[in-house]
Amino acid sequence: MRQSSAHRRRRRPVVRLSAAAALLAGGGGVIALTAPGASAACSDIEVVSARGTFEPGTLGTIVGDPVFSALQKRLTGKNLTSHKVDYPADLSLGSSAQGNTDLVNHVKSQASSCPAQKFILVGYSQGANVVDNSIGISSAGSPVGGAITATIPDDVEPKVSAVLLFGNPIRSLGKSVTGTYADRTHDVCAQGDPVCESGGNDTLAHLSYRDDAEEAAAFAAGKV
């Protein structure tokens, strides 16, 4: 079953899930992708990535790192930098709120320092809640969500070229990104993923989003 490219449910490929599960569980033996680094002054595009709960990796092994690598391949004429959202990404009270505040503060600071810079926001699992809140869609009610603490200002909003969400918990509540950001949001939920699908019971599906990196990058490239 497929929905539109901007908001869809993906059937998870069974063969590749064991590898994805191993990546999350161990984190060792992973071949490094083109390393996303700290933010550099005034790149063309800043990829701001909020990792999932307890997700290892520079920007996130399951989503952030492979998406950044795929974006580099797609946007060969652009200079890309990255920012790893600074937050616990754990089950502590207020974890997503810290991420929400850091993401918004970082984007505001970059927009002030680099007026021509564009942004691609990436969020996986709890990180998707962080992004949701940052663009004004409350994640309150989801297990790792919370109330909005800050939103990207209206004058900065046009600088956000694309929003890429994976395993977004608000979808299990029947919510999605609507309004201003809807047409530049790619929000994918693997079939059976209990984090984003109400009634889902396939926990391994939540580890499969590395398989969606290329499609997400293609979507974002079309919006830049």
Protein backbone atom coordinates (compact mmCIF):
# COMPACT_ATOMS: atom_id res chain seq x y z
CA MET A 1 0.00 0.00 0.00
CA ARG A 2 1.38 3.42 -0.93
CA GLN A 3 0.24 6.92 -0.20
CA SER A 4 1.45 10.10 -1.89
CA SER A 5 5.18 10.76 -1.94
CA ALA A 6 4.72 13.48 0.65
CA HIS A 7 2.82 11.31 3.13
CA ARG A 8 2.85 7.58 2.70
CA ARG A 9 3.12 4.14 4.23
CA ARG A 10 5.84 1.84 2.93
CA ARG A 11 5.88 -1.94 2.91
CA ARG A 12 9.07 -2.88 4.67
CA PRO A 13 11.56 -5.13 2.82
CA VAL A 14 12.03 -8.26 4.94
CA VAL A 15 15.53 -9.13 3.69
CA ARG A 16 17.20 -5.89 4.74
CA LEU A 17 15.63 -5.56 8.18
CA SER A 18 18.07 -7.85 9.96
CA ALA A 19 20.92 -5.61 8.89
CA ALA A 20 19.09 -2.50 10.06
CA ALA A 21 18.37 -4.12 13.40
CA ALA A 22 22.03 -5.04 13.81
CA LEU A 23 23.07 -1.47 13.07
CA LEU A 24 20.86 -0.11 15.83
CA ALA A 25 21.72 -2.78 18.36
CA GLY A 26 25.47 -2.83 17.97
CA GLY A 27 26.55 0.23 16.05
CA GLY A 28 29.89 -1.44 15.29
CA GLY A 29 31.29 -2.43 11.94
CA VAL A 30 29.39 0.25 10.08
CA ILE A 31 31.13 1.56 6.98
CA ALA A 32 31.42 5.33 7.33
CA LEU A 33 29.56 7.42 4.80
CA THR A 34 30.84 10.78 3.63
CA ALA A 35 31.12 12.21 7.09
CA PRO A 36 28.59 14.89 7.95
CA GLY A 37 30.39 17.52 9.99
CA ALA A 38 29.63 20.38 12.25
CA SER A 39 28.00 23.44 10.84
CA ALA A 40 30.24 25.62 8.69
CA ALA A 41 29.56 29.27 8.00
CA CYS A 42 27.21 29.99 5.15
CA SER A 43 26.96 26.78 3.18
CA ASP A 44 24.26 26.60 0.53
CA ILE A 45 22.20 24.11 2.52
CA GLU A 46 22.27 23.11 6.18
CA VAL A 47 20.83 19.67 6.98
CA VAL A 48 19.43 19.78 10.52
CA SER A 49 18.89 16.26 11.83
CA ALA A 50 17.13 15.09 15.00
CA ARG A 51 17.97 11.44 15.71
CA GLY A 52 15.65 8.82 17.15
CA THR A 53 15.57 7.61 20.75
CA PHE A 54 18.96 6.09 21.67
CA GLU A 55 19.97 6.12 17.99
CA PRO A 56 23.77 6.00 17.51
CA GLY A 57 25.70 7.66 14.70
CA THR A 58 26.83 11.17 13.84
CA LEU A 59 23.43 12.39 12.67
CA GLY A 60 21.77 9.01 13.30
CA THR A 61 22.74 5.60 11.93
CA ILE A 62 19.26 4.61 10.77
CA VAL A 63 18.20 7.90 9.17
CA GLY A 64 20.38 11.01 9.53
CA ASP A 65 23.68 9.66 8.24
CA PRO A 66 22.30 7.81 5.18
CA VAL A 67 19.99 10.71 4.31
CA PHE A 68 22.88 13.21 4.48
CA SER A 69 24.98 10.97 2.24
CA ALA A 70 22.11 10.59 -0.24
CA LEU A 71 21.60 14.36 -0.29
CA GLN A 72 25.27 14.94 -1.05
CA LYS A 73 24.99 12.65 -4.05
CA ARG A 74 21.81 14.34 -5.29
CA LEU A 75 22.84 17.96 -4.71
CA THR A 76 26.27 17.83 -6.30
CA GLY A 77 26.25 21.51 -7.21
CA LYS A 78 25.53 22.61 -3.65
CA ASN A 79 27.69 22.90 -0.55
CA LEU A 80 26.04 20.99 2.31
CA THR A 81 26.73 21.19 6.02
CA SER A 82 24.92 19.57 8.92
CA HIS A 83 23.79 20.15 12.47
CA LYS A 84 23.05 17.34 14.91
CA VAL A 85 20.21 18.56 17.10
CA ASP A 86 21.55 18.76 20.65
CA TYR A 87 19.14 16.87 22.88
CA PRO A 88 19.14 13.71 25.03
CA ALA A 89 17.10 11.58 22.59
CA ASP A 90 16.16 9.37 25.51
CA LEU A 91 13.02 8.67 27.54
CA SER A 92 13.57 11.46 30.04
CA LEU A 93 10.85 14.01 30.66
CA GLY A 94 11.44 17.01 28.45
CA SER A 95 13.84 15.30 26.02
CA SER A 96 11.90 16.29 22.91
CA ALA A 97 11.38 19.80 24.30
CA GLN A 98 15.15 20.28 24.54
CA GLY A 99 15.47 19.17 20.93
CA ASN A 100 12.67 21.50 19.85
CA THR A 101 14.39 24.46 21.47
CA ASP A 102 17.84 23.61 20.08
CA LEU A 103 16.55 23.10 16.52
CA VAL A 104 14.70 26.41 16.43
CA ASN A 105 17.54 28.36 18.06
CA HIS A 106 20.05 26.89 15.62
CA VAL A 107 17.98 27.63 12.53
CA LYS A 108 17.32 31.19 13.72
CA SER A 109 21.02 31.76 14.41
CA GLN A 110 22.08 30.37 11.03
CA ALA A 111 19.41 32.36 9.20
CA SER A 112 20.71 35.53 10.83
CA SER A 113 24.36 34.78 10.09
CA CYS A 114 23.81 33.33 6.60
CA PRO A 115 20.80 35.00 4.94
CA ALA A 116 21.06 32.98 1.72
CA GLN A 117 21.32 29.59 3.43
CA LYS A 118 18.52 27.05 3.02
CA PHE A 119 17.56 24.25 5.42
CA ILE A 120 16.48 20.63 5.14
CA LEU A 121 14.99 19.34 8.40
CA VAL A 122 15.28 15.62 9.13
CA GLY A 123 13.59 13.79 12.00
CA TYR A 124 13.33 10.12 12.93
CA SER A 125 11.04 8.73 15.64
CA GLN A 126 11.39 11.04 18.66
CA GLY A 127 13.39 13.29 16.34
CA ALA A 128 10.32 13.55 14.10
CA ASN A 129 8.44 14.88 17.13
CA VAL A 130 11.21 17.44 17.58
CA VAL A 131 10.78 18.60 13.99
CA ASP A 132 6.98 18.50 14.22
CA ASN A 133 7.02 20.85 17.19
CA SER A 134 9.57 23.12 15.55
CA ILE A 135 7.30 23.69 12.55
CA GLY A 136 4.23 24.23 14.73
CA ILE A 137 2.65 20.75 14.78
CA SER A 138 2.29 19.64 18.40
CA SER A 139 3.51 16.15 19.30
CA ALA A 140 1.78 16.22 22.69
CA GLY A 141 0.12 12.89 23.38
CA SER A 142 2.73 10.67 21.79
CA PRO A 143 4.97 8.67 24.19
CA VAL A 144 8.14 10.64 23.40
CA GLY A 145 6.45 13.87 22.39
CA GLY A 146 5.44 17.02 24.18
CA ALA A 147 4.13 20.53 23.96
CA ILE A 148 5.67 23.04 21.56
CA THR A 149 8.43 25.11 23.16
CA ALA A 150 9.52 27.11 20.09
CA THR A 151 8.68 27.43 16.40
CA ILE A 152 10.63 28.59 13.38
CA PRO A 153 9.72 32.27 12.85
CA ASP A 154 7.59 33.30 9.90
CA ASP A 155 10.43 35.25 8.31
CA VAL A 156 12.69 32.17 8.41
CA GLU A 157 10.06 29.67 7.25
CA PRO A 158 10.68 30.27 3.49
CA LYS A 159 14.29 29.18 4.00
CA VAL A 160 13.16 25.64 4.95
CA SER A 161 13.25 23.83 1.62
CA ALA A 162 12.15 20.38 2.79
CA VAL A 163 11.06 18.45 5.87
CA LEU A 164 11.89 14.73 5.92
CA LEU A 165 10.17 12.63 8.59
CA PHE A 166 10.51 8.92 9.32
CA GLY A 167 8.50 6.81 11.78
CA ASN A 168 6.68 9.94 12.91
CA PRO A 169 4.84 9.18 16.18
CA ILE A 170 2.07 11.73 15.65
CA ARG A 171 0.78 9.62 12.78
CA SER A 172 -0.31 6.95 15.26
CA LEU A 173 -2.52 9.67 16.76
CA GLY A 174 -4.11 10.34 13.38
CA LYS A 175 -2.15 13.57 12.91
CA SER A 176 0.16 14.75 10.15
CA VAL A 177 1.96 17.86 8.99
CA THR A 178 -0.59 20.31 7.65
CA GLY A 179 -0.56 23.96 6.69
CA THR A 180 2.47 25.92 5.57
CA TYR A 181 4.94 23.04 5.47
CA ALA A 182 2.64 20.32 4.10
CA ASP A 183 3.73 20.49 0.44
CA ARG A 184 7.44 20.29 1.31
CA THR A 185 7.11 17.45 3.81
CA HIS A 186 8.02 13.83 3.05
CA ASP A 187 6.58 11.74 5.89
CA VAL A 188 7.08 7.99 5.61
CA CYS A 189 5.74 5.23 7.88
CA ALA A 190 6.84 1.63 7.26
CA GLN A 191 3.98 -0.83 7.20
CA GLY A 192 3.44 -2.30 10.66
CA ASP A 193 5.65 0.21 12.47
CA PRO A 194 3.94 0.55 15.88
CA VAL A 195 5.51 3.98 16.46
CA CYS A 196 3.72 5.64 13.55
CA GLU A 197 0.94 3.20 12.65
CA SER A 198 -1.97 2.77 15.03
CA GLY A 199 -2.24 -0.97 15.67
CA GLY A 200 1.14 -1.73 14.11
CA ASN A 201 2.92 -4.70 15.63
CA ASP A 202 6.16 -5.07 13.67
CA THR A 203 8.87 -3.54 15.84
CA LEU A 204 11.57 -4.27 13.26
CA ALA A 205 9.74 -2.07 10.78
CA HIS A 206 10.80 0.90 12.89
CA LEU A 207 14.43 0.11 12.14
CA SER A 208 14.03 -0.07 8.36
CA TYR A 209 14.13 3.59 7.34
CA ARG A 210 17.64 3.48 5.98
CA ASP A 211 15.93 1.97 2.94
CA ASP A 212 14.07 5.25 2.37
CA ALA A 213 17.10 7.57 2.31
CA GLU A 214 17.39 7.80 -1.48
CA GLU A 215 13.70 8.49 -2.06
CA ALA A 216 13.68 11.15 0.67
CA ALA A 217 16.78 12.79 -0.81
CA ALA A 218 15.16 12.84 -4.25
CA PHE A 219 12.10 14.54 -2.77
CA ALA A 220 14.24 17.14 -1.01
CA ALA A 221 16.33 17.77 -4.13
CA GLY A 222 13.14 18.63 -5.98
CA LYS A 223 12.32 21.27 -3.39
CA VAL A 224 15.69 23.01 -3.10
